């Protein structure tokens, strides 16, 4: 659950709550975590600045991924149309299972996810294998150095899996 509200003091607050549903499918739920984050007007920045930076590092990541052997990326790849996608990239490495990529990167403290990304029908249309795809998500505080480290880790994984 996400809830956004503004206090009379002008602070903008975001309530984040995670609920766990009972395994027996009953209607009971249990609150497992909650956070309230508030920002004063001076702390709120122009979101377009964030989008520009995220677009830049996304373009950098796409360019680098496309230069790696055996890597297939999905979605908009043209740098001219980078604004048409969110900063999340799904990809596969031929002959390497997505779960293996996720595990190998986790050892290097790089977080990615694998699976069907809640889109099993789309993936069954031939976009990726039955094992799903790898998903890397970028946020406004990622750096080009982190992109370089990610690409180096993938290149090493590819070289060692040949």
Protein backbone atom coordinates (compact mmCIF):
# COMPACT_ATOMS: atom_id res chain seq x y z
CA UNK A 1 0.00 0.00 0.00
CA UNK A 2 1.27 3.45 -0.90
CA UNK A 3 -0.40 6.59 0.35
CA UNK A 4 0.70 10.14 -0.32
CA UNK A 5 -0.46 13.07 1.83
CA UNK A 6 0.57 16.61 2.60
CA UNK A 7 0.71 17.84 6.18
CA UNK A 8 -0.45 21.31 7.17
CA UNK A 9 3.22 22.19 7.72
CA UNK A 10 3.77 21.70 4.00
CA UNK A 11 5.65 18.44 4.36
CA UNK A 12 4.91 15.86 1.69
CA UNK A 13 4.68 12.38 3.22
CA UNK A 14 4.62 8.91 1.71
CA UNK A 15 3.31 5.97 3.72
CA UNK A 16 4.59 2.58 2.58
CA UNK A 17 3.01 -0.49 4.16
CA UNK A 18 3.52 -4.14 3.25
CA UNK A 19 0.86 -6.62 4.24
CA UNK A 20 1.18 -10.38 4.31
CA UNK A 21 -1.93 -12.34 3.35
CA UNK A 22 -2.69 -15.55 5.20
CA UNK A 23 -1.63 -18.74 3.41
CA UNK A 24 -5.11 -20.21 3.75
CA UNK A 25 -6.54 -17.43 1.56
CA UNK A 26 -8.65 -16.12 4.42
CA UNK A 27 -9.38 -12.46 4.56
CA UNK A 28 -6.99 -11.86 7.43
CA UNK A 29 -3.80 -9.95 6.77
CA UNK A 30 -0.85 -9.02 8.93
CA UNK A 31 1.16 -5.82 8.68
CA UNK A 32 4.79 -6.86 8.16
CA UNK A 33 6.47 -3.52 7.61
CA UNK A 34 5.63 0.14 7.43
CA UNK A 35 7.55 3.31 6.75
CA UNK A 36 6.59 6.96 6.67
CA UNK A 37 8.91 9.26 4.79
CA UNK A 38 8.33 13.02 4.89
CA UNK A 39 10.04 15.79 2.94
CA UNK A 40 9.94 19.52 3.53
CA UNK A 41 9.28 21.68 0.47
CA UNK A 42 13.00 22.55 0.36
CA UNK A 43 13.88 18.85 0.08
CA UNK A 44 11.58 18.18 -2.87
CA UNK A 45 13.48 18.48 -6.13
CA UNK A 46 12.37 18.88 -9.73
CA UNK A 47 11.48 15.39 -10.92
CA UNK A 48 12.55 16.26 -14.47
CA UNK A 49 16.17 16.45 -13.27
CA UNK A 50 15.83 12.92 -11.96
CA UNK A 51 14.34 11.75 -15.26
CA UNK A 52 17.12 13.29 -17.32
CA UNK A 53 19.81 11.58 -15.22
CA UNK A 54 17.98 8.26 -15.26
CA UNK A 55 17.58 8.51 -19.05
CA UNK A 56 21.31 9.15 -19.42
CA UNK A 57 22.36 6.13 -17.38
CA UNK A 58 19.69 3.99 -19.05
CA UNK A 59 21.08 4.92 -22.48
CA UNK A 60 24.58 4.07 -21.22
CA UNK A 61 23.43 0.68 -19.90
CA UNK A 62 21.55 -0.21 -23.09
CA UNK A 63 24.54 0.71 -25.24
CA UNK A 64 26.91 -1.39 -23.13
CA UNK A 65 24.55 -4.39 -22.97
CA UNK A 66 24.12 -4.39 -26.75
CA UNK A 67 27.90 -4.64 -27.17
CA UNK A 68 28.18 -7.80 -25.06
CA UNK A 69 28.18 -11.11 -26.94
CA UNK A 70 25.16 -13.41 -26.55
CA UNK A 71 23.04 -10.75 -24.79
CA UNK A 72 19.49 -10.07 -26.00
CA UNK A 73 17.68 -7.04 -24.59
CA UNK A 74 13.93 -6.49 -24.86
CA UNK A 75 11.93 -3.34 -25.47
CA UNK A 76 12.92 0.00 -26.94
CA UNK A 77 16.66 0.02 -27.69
CA UNK A 78 17.08 3.08 -29.90
CA UNK A 79 18.78 5.91 -27.95
CA UNK A 80 16.64 8.43 -29.87
CA UNK A 81 13.54 6.94 -28.23
CA UNK A 82 14.90 6.32 -24.75
CA UNK A 83 12.14 8.48 -23.22
CA UNK A 84 9.60 5.86 -24.37
CA UNK A 85 10.75 3.34 -21.77
CA UNK A 86 11.11 3.16 -18.02
CA UNK A 87 14.58 2.61 -16.54
CA UNK A 88 14.12 -1.16 -16.26
CA UNK A 89 15.80 -3.55 -18.68
CA UNK A 90 14.95 -7.19 -19.28
CA UNK A 91 17.60 -9.27 -20.97
CA UNK A 92 18.89 -12.79 -21.46
CA UNK A 93 22.31 -14.26 -22.09
CA UNK A 94 22.20 -17.11 -24.58
CA UNK A 95 23.09 -20.45 -22.93
CA UNK A 96 22.99 -18.99 -19.40
CA UNK A 97 19.85 -19.40 -17.29
CA UNK A 98 18.45 -16.15 -15.83
CA UNK A 99 18.62 -17.64 -12.31
CA UNK A 100 22.35 -18.27 -12.82
CA UNK A 101 22.90 -14.64 -13.86
CA UNK A 102 21.01 -13.44 -10.77
CA UNK A 103 23.01 -15.71 -8.44
CA UNK A 104 26.38 -14.83 -9.96
CA UNK A 105 25.68 -11.10 -9.77
CA UNK A 106 24.43 -11.40 -6.18
CA UNK A 107 27.84 -12.80 -5.20
CA UNK A 108 29.28 -9.51 -6.50
CA UNK A 109 26.70 -7.45 -4.53
CA UNK A 110 24.75 -6.54 -7.68
CA UNK A 111 21.00 -6.91 -7.32
CA UNK A 112 18.92 -8.05 -10.29
CA UNK A 113 15.86 -10.28 -10.48
CA UNK A 114 14.87 -13.14 -12.74
CA UNK A 115 11.60 -14.78 -13.71
CA UNK A 116 8.55 -13.86 -15.75
CA UNK A 117 8.19 -10.34 -14.28
CA UNK A 118 4.43 -10.90 -13.89
CA UNK A 119 4.14 -11.19 -17.69
CA UNK A 120 4.13 -14.92 -18.46
CA UNK A 121 1.94 -14.58 -21.56
CA UNK A 122 4.21 -11.94 -23.05
CA UNK A 123 7.29 -14.06 -22.40
CA UNK A 124 5.62 -17.10 -23.98
CA UNK A 125 5.32 -15.15 -27.24
CA UNK A 126 8.96 -15.97 -27.88
CA UNK A 127 10.53 -13.00 -26.16
CA UNK A 128 12.50 -15.20 -23.80
CA UNK A 129 12.95 -18.75 -22.59
CA UNK A 130 10.68 -20.69 -20.24
CA UNK A 131 13.04 -19.61 -17.47
CA UNK A 132 12.05 -15.98 -17.94
CA UNK A 133 14.48 -13.11 -18.20
CA UNK A 134 16.83 -11.05 -16.05
CA UNK A 135 15.57 -7.64 -14.94
CA UNK A 136 17.87 -4.77 -13.99
CA UNK A 137 16.21 -1.66 -12.60
CA UNK A 138 17.84 1.75 -12.39
CA UNK A 139 16.98 4.62 -10.07
CA UNK A 140 17.97 8.26 -9.93
CA UNK A 141 20.97 7.69 -7.65
CA UNK A 142 22.69 5.03 -9.79
CA UNK A 143 26.01 6.12 -11.29
CA UNK A 144 27.91 5.38 -14.47
CA UNK A 145 30.55 3.68 -12.31
CA UNK A 146 27.88 1.23 -11.12
CA UNK A 147 26.86 0.61 -14.73
CA UNK A 148 30.52 -0.11 -15.57
CA UNK A 149 30.79 -2.56 -12.64
CA UNK A 150 27.58 -4.28 -13.77
CA UNK A 151 28.82 -4.62 -17.36
CA UNK A 152 32.22 -5.91 -16.20
CA UNK A 153 30.49 -8.54 -14.07
CA UNK A 154 28.30 -9.63 -16.98
CA UNK A 155 31.29 -9.76 -19.34
CA UNK A 156 33.13 -11.99 -16.85
CA UNK A 157 30.11 -14.25 -16.46
CA UNK A 158 29.79 -14.56 -20.25
CA UNK A 159 33.49 -15.33 -20.67
CA UNK A 160 33.42 -17.97 -17.94
CA UNK A 161 30.29 -19.65 -19.33
CA UNK A 162 31.60 -20.14 -22.88
